[in-house]
Amino acid sequence: MKDLPIHLVLFAVVGLVISGLSAVFAEPEDGRALKGFPRRYLWFLGGCAVFAAVLLAAEKLLARTY
């Protein structure tokens, strides 16, 4: 569990790159891409958090431990 903060920081950095590239390639103008970047980044992190929560809930409810 001690590696969790390091993994979260690394995930945030990778998410920053993914969101940045998607913003640059999705918008034809750089100004609009930079303006929409924070929203895209928060949507990416929020979506990943919801997905992780669903996976953890499914594991807790459906997986059996022997």
N, C-alpha and C. Protein backbone atom coordinates (compact mmCIF):
# COMPACT_ATOMS: atom_id res chain seq x y z
N MET A 1 0.81 -1.19 0.00
CA MET A 1 0.00 0.00 0.00
C MET A 1 0.86 1.26 0.00
N LYS A 2 2.15 1.11 0.32
CA LYS A 2 3.01 2.29 0.37
C LYS A 2 3.30 2.85 -1.02
N ASP A 3 3.11 2.05 -2.06
CA ASP A 3 3.36 2.50 -3.43
C ASP A 3 2.16 3.21 -4.04
N LEU A 4 1.03 3.23 -3.37
CA LEU A 4 -0.18 3.83 -3.92
C LEU A 4 0.00 5.30 -4.31
N PRO A 5 0.58 6.15 -3.47
CA PRO A 5 0.77 7.55 -3.89
C PRO A 5 1.64 7.70 -5.13
N ILE A 6 2.68 6.89 -5.23
CA ILE A 6 3.55 6.95 -6.41
C ILE A 6 2.78 6.54 -7.66
N HIS A 7 1.98 5.49 -7.55
CA HIS A 7 1.20 5.04 -8.69
C HIS A 7 0.14 6.07 -9.08
N LEU A 8 -0.47 6.72 -8.12
CA LEU A 8 -1.46 7.75 -8.43
C LEU A 8 -0.82 8.95 -9.14
N VAL A 9 0.37 9.34 -8.71
CA VAL A 9 1.07 10.44 -9.37
C VAL A 9 1.47 10.05 -10.79
N LEU A 10 1.97 8.85 -10.96
CA LEU A 10 2.34 8.39 -12.31
C LEU A 10 1.11 8.31 -13.21
N PHE A 11 -0.01 7.83 -12.67
CA PHE A 11 -1.25 7.78 -13.44
C PHE A 11 -1.70 9.18 -13.84
N ALA A 12 -1.58 10.15 -12.91
CA ALA A 12 -1.96 11.52 -13.23
C ALA A 12 -1.08 12.10 -14.33
N VAL A 13 0.19 11.78 -14.33
CA VAL A 13 1.10 12.26 -15.38
C VAL A 13 0.73 11.64 -16.73
N VAL A 14 0.47 10.34 -16.74
CA VAL A 14 0.08 9.67 -17.98
C VAL A 14 -1.26 10.22 -18.46
N GLY A 15 -2.19 10.46 -17.54
CA GLY A 15 -3.48 11.06 -17.90
C GLY A 15 -3.32 12.45 -18.47
N LEU A 16 -2.35 13.19 -17.96
CA LEU A 16 -2.06 14.53 -18.47
C LEU A 16 -1.62 14.45 -19.94
N VAL A 17 -0.77 13.50 -20.24
CA VAL A 17 -0.30 13.33 -21.62
C VAL A 17 -1.44 12.88 -22.53
N ILE A 18 -2.23 11.91 -22.09
CA ILE A 18 -3.34 11.42 -22.90
C ILE A 18 -4.35 12.53 -23.16
N SER A 19 -4.71 13.27 -22.12
CA SER A 19 -5.68 14.36 -22.28
C SER A 19 -5.11 15.48 -23.14
N GLY A 20 -3.85 15.78 -22.97
CA GLY A 20 -3.22 16.83 -23.78
C GLY A 20 -3.19 16.48 -25.25
N LEU A 21 -2.82 15.26 -25.56
CA LEU A 21 -2.79 14.84 -26.96
C LEU A 21 -4.19 14.80 -27.56
N SER A 22 -5.16 14.33 -26.80
CA SER A 22 -6.52 14.29 -27.34
C SER A 22 -7.06 15.70 -27.57
N ALA A 23 -6.71 16.64 -26.71
CA ALA A 23 -7.16 18.02 -26.88
C ALA A 23 -6.52 18.65 -28.12
N VAL A 24 -5.23 18.40 -28.32
CA VAL A 24 -4.52 18.99 -29.46
C VAL A 24 -5.02 18.41 -30.78
N PHE A 25 -5.24 17.10 -30.82
CA PHE A 25 -5.67 16.48 -32.07
C PHE A 25 -7.16 16.66 -32.34
N ALA A 26 -7.96 16.94 -31.32
CA ALA A 26 -9.41 17.09 -31.51
C ALA A 26 -9.79 18.48 -32.01
N GLU A 27 -9.02 19.49 -31.64
CA GLU A 27 -9.36 20.87 -32.00
C GLU A 27 -8.43 21.37 -33.10
N PRO A 28 -8.97 22.05 -34.10
CA PRO A 28 -8.11 22.56 -35.18
C PRO A 28 -7.28 23.78 -34.77
N GLU A 29 -7.72 24.50 -33.74
CA GLU A 29 -6.98 25.69 -33.29
C GLU A 29 -6.37 25.43 -31.92
N ASP A 30 -5.14 25.88 -31.73
CA ASP A 30 -4.44 25.65 -30.47
C ASP A 30 -5.11 26.37 -29.30
N GLY A 31 -5.65 27.55 -29.54
CA GLY A 31 -6.29 28.31 -28.46
C GLY A 31 -7.47 27.56 -27.86
N ARG A 32 -8.28 26.99 -28.71
CA ARG A 32 -9.43 26.22 -28.22
C ARG A 32 -8.97 24.93 -27.54
N ALA A 33 -7.89 24.35 -28.07
CA ALA A 33 -7.37 23.12 -27.45
C ALA A 33 -6.87 23.39 -26.03
N LEU A 34 -6.15 24.49 -25.86
CA LEU A 34 -5.64 24.83 -24.53
C LEU A 34 -6.77 25.23 -23.58
N LYS A 35 -7.76 25.89 -24.13
CA LYS A 35 -8.89 26.31 -23.29
C LYS A 35 -9.70 25.11 -22.80
N GLY A 36 -9.85 24.10 -23.64
CA GLY A 36 -10.63 22.93 -23.27
C GLY A 36 -9.85 21.84 -22.56
N PHE A 37 -8.55 22.02 -22.42
CA PHE A 37 -7.71 20.98 -21.82
C PHE A 37 -8.08 20.65 -20.37
N PRO A 38 -8.25 21.64 -19.47
CA PRO A 38 -8.58 21.28 -18.08
C PRO A 38 -9.86 20.47 -17.96
N ARG A 39 -10.86 20.82 -18.77
CA ARG A 39 -12.12 20.07 -18.73
C ARG A 39 -11.90 18.63 -19.18
N ARG A 40 -11.13 18.44 -20.25
CA ARG A 40 -10.85 17.09 -20.74
C ARG A 40 -10.08 16.28 -19.69
N TYR A 41 -9.13 16.93 -19.03
CA TYR A 41 -8.32 16.23 -18.03
C TYR A 41 -9.18 15.79 -16.85
N LEU A 42 -10.05 16.67 -16.39
CA LEU A 42 -10.92 16.31 -15.27
C LEU A 42 -11.91 15.21 -15.67
N TRP A 43 -12.43 15.26 -16.88
CA TRP A 43 -13.32 14.20 -17.36
C TRP A 43 -12.58 12.87 -17.42
N PHE A 44 -11.34 12.89 -17.88
CA PHE A 44 -10.55 11.66 -17.96
C PHE A 44 -10.32 11.08 -16.56
N LEU A 45 -9.86 11.91 -15.63
CA LEU A 45 -9.61 11.42 -14.28
C LEU A 45 -10.89 10.97 -13.60
N GLY A 46 -11.96 11.73 -13.79
CA GLY A 46 -13.25 11.35 -13.19
C GLY A 46 -13.78 10.05 -13.77
N GLY A 47 -13.67 9.90 -15.08
CA GLY A 47 -14.12 8.65 -15.71
C GLY A 47 -13.33 7.45 -15.24
N CYS A 48 -12.04 7.62 -15.10
CA CYS A 48 -11.20 6.53 -14.60
C CYS A 48 -11.53 6.20 -13.14
N ALA A 49 -11.82 7.22 -12.34
CA ALA A 49 -12.19 6.99 -10.94
C ALA A 49 -13.51 6.23 -10.84
N VAL A 50 -14.49 6.61 -11.66
CA VAL A 50 -15.77 5.91 -11.65
C VAL A 50 -15.58 4.47 -12.11
N PHE A 51 -14.78 4.26 -13.15
CA PHE A 51 -14.52 2.91 -13.64
C PHE A 51 -13.84 2.06 -12.56
N ALA A 52 -12.87 2.63 -11.85
CA ALA A 52 -12.18 1.91 -10.78
C ALA A 52 -13.15 1.58 -9.65
N ALA A 53 -14.05 2.50 -9.32
CA ALA A 53 -15.03 2.24 -8.27
C ALA A 53 -15.99 1.12 -8.67
N VAL A 54 -16.41 1.11 -9.92
CA VAL A 54 -17.29 0.03 -10.39
C VAL A 54 -16.57 -1.31 -10.34
N LEU A 55 -15.31 -1.34 -10.75
CA LEU A 55 -14.55 -2.59 -10.70
C LEU A 55 -14.36 -3.07 -9.26
N LEU A 56 -14.07 -2.16 -8.35
CA LEU A 56 -13.91 -2.56 -6.95
C LEU A 56 -15.22 -3.04 -6.35
N ALA A 57 -16.32 -2.39 -6.70
CA ALA A 57 -17.63 -2.83 -6.21
C ALA A 57 -17.99 -4.20 -6.78
N ALA A 58 -17.72 -4.43 -8.06
CA ALA A 58 -17.99 -5.73 -8.66
C ALA A 58 -17.13 -6.81 -8.02
N GLU A 59 -15.90 -6.48 -7.73
CA GLU A 59 -15.04 -7.45 -7.07
C GLU A 59 -15.57 -7.79 -5.68
N LYS A 60 -15.98 -6.77 -4.96
CA LYS A 60 -16.48 -6.98 -3.60
C LYS A 60 -17.78 -7.79 -3.61
N LEU A 61 -18.66 -7.51 -4.57
CA LEU A 61 -19.97 -8.16 -4.59
C LEU A 61 -19.97 -9.52 -5.29
N LEU A 62 -19.16 -9.68 -6.31
CA LEU A 62 -19.26 -10.87 -7.15
C LEU A 62 -18.14 -11.88 -6.97
N ALA A 63 -16.98 -11.44 -6.60
CA ALA A 63 -15.85 -12.36 -6.50
C ALA A 63 -15.89 -13.11 -5.18
N ARG A 64 -15.65 -14.37 -5.27
CA ARG A 64 -15.61 -15.19 -4.07
C ARG A 64 -14.16 -15.41 -3.65
N THR A 65 -13.94 -15.39 -2.38
CA THR A 65 -12.60 -15.70 -1.88
C THR A 65 -12.66 -17.05 -1.20
N TYR A 66 -11.67 -17.87 -1.47
CA TYR A 66 -11.65 -19.23 -0.93
C TYR A 66 -10.66 -19.34 0.17
